[in-house]
Each structure stands twice: as structure tokens, then as C-alpha cells.
Amino acid sequence: MSKKLQAIALIVFYLFLFWFAYQVILKLTGHSPTVETILMTAMAMLISFLLVATLKLGEFMGETRAFMKNTKESFALMKSDFSSLKSDFASLKSEFGQMKSDILLLKSDSAVMKGNMSLMKSDISFMKVNLVNLSKKS
């Protein structure tokens, strides 16, 4: 309804504008309209312009309120999304911490295994030396 009312008010404004221009042309060419008639037409044109402007401003304010309401709701949704992301990042951080400790444990196990391997190599070389010595004695 507001759009129809705006259209009607705009048509009335253009009619008064046309009528005002017509009366000014008549006055300039020396025909009948008086100054008071021209001023009344100008006042009617001004009033119709103010009506159009008021209707457009009212529509703009309504759209602004609707936008603010929608924006407020979407900010609330964004806030909940960010809080869920925060908790997800916290859980990922703890999982990465666990993975880091597992990797460090594997690293230390591999170092121990390397140490055991070197001990086993030295034991094997010791056994070879003993075997060689035993074979020489016999």
C-alpha cells in the first residue's frame, strides 16, 4: 500500500509542477493568472513534494529497521558459530598436543632401539672375537 500511496503522491506532485510551470508561462506572456494563484500552486506543489519525501523517508526507515533486526540476528548466529569454532580449536589443540607427545615417545623409543642395536652389534663382535679365540685354542 505504501508504494501505491507514494506513486499517487508523486503523480500529484508532477501535476502541480506542470500546473505551476503552465501558470508561470502564462504570467510571463501577460495572460490572466495572478501572483496569488501562482503562489498557491507553488505551495500545493511544495506540500505534495513534502508528502512524497515523507513517504519515502518512512519506507527507508522501515527498511532500515528490518535490516537492523536481521543484522542483529545474524550477529547472534555468528557469535554462536565463533564460540563453537573456539571450542573446536581447543579440542584440536589438545589432540595436537597428544600427537606431539606420542611423536616424542616414538622418537625416544627409536633412540633406545638404536642404542640396543649398537649394544647388540658390540655383543656380536665380542662373540665373534670369542669364537675366533676359541677356535685358535682348539
Protein backbone atom coordinates (compact mmCIF):
# COMPACT_ATOMS: atom_id res chain seq x y z
CA MET A 1 0.00 0.00 0.00
CA SER A 2 2.86 2.37 0.75
CA LYS A 3 4.21 2.02 -2.80
CA LYS A 4 0.81 2.82 -4.28
CA LEU A 5 0.45 5.83 -1.99
CA GLN A 6 3.92 7.02 -2.97
CA ALA A 7 3.05 6.66 -6.66
CA ILE A 8 -0.18 8.63 -6.22
CA ALA A 9 1.60 11.37 -4.26
CA LEU A 10 4.31 11.55 -6.92
CA ILE A 11 1.69 11.89 -9.67
CA VAL A 12 0.00 14.69 -7.72
CA PHE A 13 3.39 16.41 -7.30
CA TYR A 14 4.09 16.23 -11.05
CA LEU A 15 0.60 17.57 -11.82
CA PHE A 16 1.17 20.54 -9.52
CA LEU A 17 4.64 21.03 -11.04
CA PHE A 18 3.19 21.04 -14.55
CA TRP A 19 0.37 23.39 -13.46
CA PHE A 20 2.88 25.74 -11.80
CA ALA A 21 5.06 25.84 -14.92
CA TYR A 22 1.97 26.49 -17.07
CA GLN A 23 0.87 29.39 -14.83
CA VAL A 24 4.38 30.92 -14.80
CA ILE A 25 4.48 30.76 -18.61
CA LEU A 26 1.03 32.39 -18.77
CA LYS A 27 2.15 35.14 -16.38
CA LEU A 28 5.33 35.79 -18.33
CA THR A 29 3.38 36.12 -21.58
CA GLY A 30 0.97 38.61 -19.97
CA HIS A 31 -2.10 36.41 -19.56
CA SER A 32 -4.58 36.05 -16.69
CA PRO A 33 -3.09 34.23 -13.60
CA THR A 34 -2.41 36.42 -10.60
CA VAL A 35 0.63 36.23 -8.37
CA GLU A 36 -1.53 34.80 -5.56
CA THR A 37 -2.72 31.95 -7.81
CA ILE A 38 0.85 31.12 -8.78
CA LEU A 39 1.94 31.20 -5.12
CA MET A 40 -0.93 28.91 -4.08
CA THR A 41 0.04 26.47 -6.81
CA ALA A 42 3.66 26.65 -5.63
CA MET A 43 2.54 25.95 -2.04
CA ALA A 44 0.42 22.99 -3.18
CA MET A 45 3.42 21.70 -5.16
CA LEU A 46 5.67 22.09 -2.10
CA ILE A 47 3.16 20.29 0.14
CA SER A 48 2.84 17.41 -2.34
CA PHE A 49 6.67 17.21 -2.55
CA LEU A 50 6.89 17.05 1.26
CA LEU A 51 4.29 14.26 1.24
CA VAL A 52 6.34 12.26 -1.28
CA ALA A 53 9.53 12.87 0.73
CA THR A 54 7.83 11.85 3.99
CA LEU A 55 6.51 8.63 2.46
CA LYS A 56 9.93 7.74 1.03
CA LEU A 57 11.62 8.53 4.34
CA GLY A 58 9.11 6.35 6.19
CA GLU A 59 9.75 3.48 3.82
CA PHE A 60 13.51 3.91 4.20
CA MET A 61 13.21 3.91 7.99
CA GLY A 62 11.14 0.72 7.86
CA GLU A 63 13.72 -0.97 5.66
CA THR A 64 16.47 0.21 7.98
CA ARG A 65 14.69 -1.26 11.00
CA ALA A 66 14.19 -4.56 9.19
CA PHE A 67 17.87 -4.59 8.18
CA MET A 68 18.96 -3.86 11.75
CA LYS A 69 16.76 -6.67 13.06
CA ASN A 70 18.17 -9.14 10.52
CA THR A 71 21.71 -7.96 11.18
CA LYS A 72 21.27 -8.37 14.92
CA GLU A 73 20.07 -11.93 14.44
CA SER A 74 22.91 -12.77 12.09
CA PHE A 75 25.45 -11.34 14.54
CA ALA A 76 23.97 -13.58 17.22
CA LEU A 77 24.37 -16.55 14.86
CA MET A 78 27.93 -15.50 14.05
CA LYS A 79 28.70 -15.27 17.77
CA SER A 80 27.45 -18.81 18.37
CA ASP A 81 29.42 -20.02 15.33
CA PHE A 82 32.60 -18.39 16.64
CA SER A 83 32.12 -19.90 20.09
CA SER A 84 31.69 -23.36 18.53
CA LEU A 85 34.79 -22.76 16.40
CA LYS A 86 36.67 -21.74 19.54
CA SER A 87 35.75 -25.00 21.26
CA ASP A 88 36.69 -26.95 18.11
CA PHE A 89 40.09 -25.27 18.01
CA ALA A 90 40.62 -26.02 21.68
CA SER A 91 39.87 -29.71 21.10
CA LEU A 92 42.17 -29.75 18.06
CA LYS A 93 44.90 -28.12 20.12
CA SER A 94 44.62 -30.82 22.78
CA GLU A 95 44.66 -33.53 20.10
CA PHE A 96 47.77 -32.00 18.53
CA GLY A 97 49.38 -31.88 21.97
CA GLN A 98 48.63 -35.57 22.40
CA MET A 99 50.05 -36.32 18.95
CA LYS A 100 53.17 -34.32 19.79
CA SER A 101 53.71 -36.32 22.97
CA ASP A 102 53.17 -39.56 21.01
CA ILE A 103 55.75 -38.48 18.43
CA LEU A 104 58.24 -37.61 21.18
CA LEU A 105 57.62 -41.02 22.75
CA LEU A 106 58.24 -42.74 19.41
CA LYS A 107 61.37 -40.68 18.94
CA SER A 108 62.70 -41.70 22.35
CA ASP A 109 61.77 -45.35 21.64
CA SER A 110 63.69 -45.23 18.36
CA ALA A 111 66.71 -43.77 20.20
CA VAL A 112 66.52 -46.61 22.73
CA MET A 113 66.23 -49.11 19.90
CA LYS A 114 69.29 -47.58 18.21
CA GLY A 115 71.17 -47.90 21.49
CA ASN A 116 70.08 -51.52 21.83
CA MET A 117 71.12 -52.19 18.23
CA SER A 118 74.58 -50.77 18.86
CA LEU A 119 74.83 -52.88 22.04
CA MET A 120 73.77 -55.94 20.07
CA LYS A 121 76.39 -55.16 17.40
CA SER A 122 79.08 -54.84 20.05
CA ASP A 123 77.88 -58.12 21.63
CA ILE A 124 78.01 -59.83 18.23
CA SER A 125 81.50 -58.53 17.55
CA PHE A 126 82.51 -59.67 21.06
CA MET A 127 81.06 -63.12 20.33
CA LYS A 128 82.96 -63.28 17.05
CA VAL A 129 86.18 -62.43 18.82
CA ASN A 130 85.47 -65.10 21.43
CA LEU A 131 84.69 -67.65 18.72
CA VAL A 132 87.88 -66.82 16.91
CA ASN A 133 89.85 -67.15 20.16
CA LEU A 134 88.18 -70.47 20.94
CA SER A 135 88.90 -71.81 17.52
CA LYS A 136 92.55 -70.84 17.83
CA LYS A 137 92.84 -72.62 21.18
CA SER A 138 91.43 -75.79 19.91
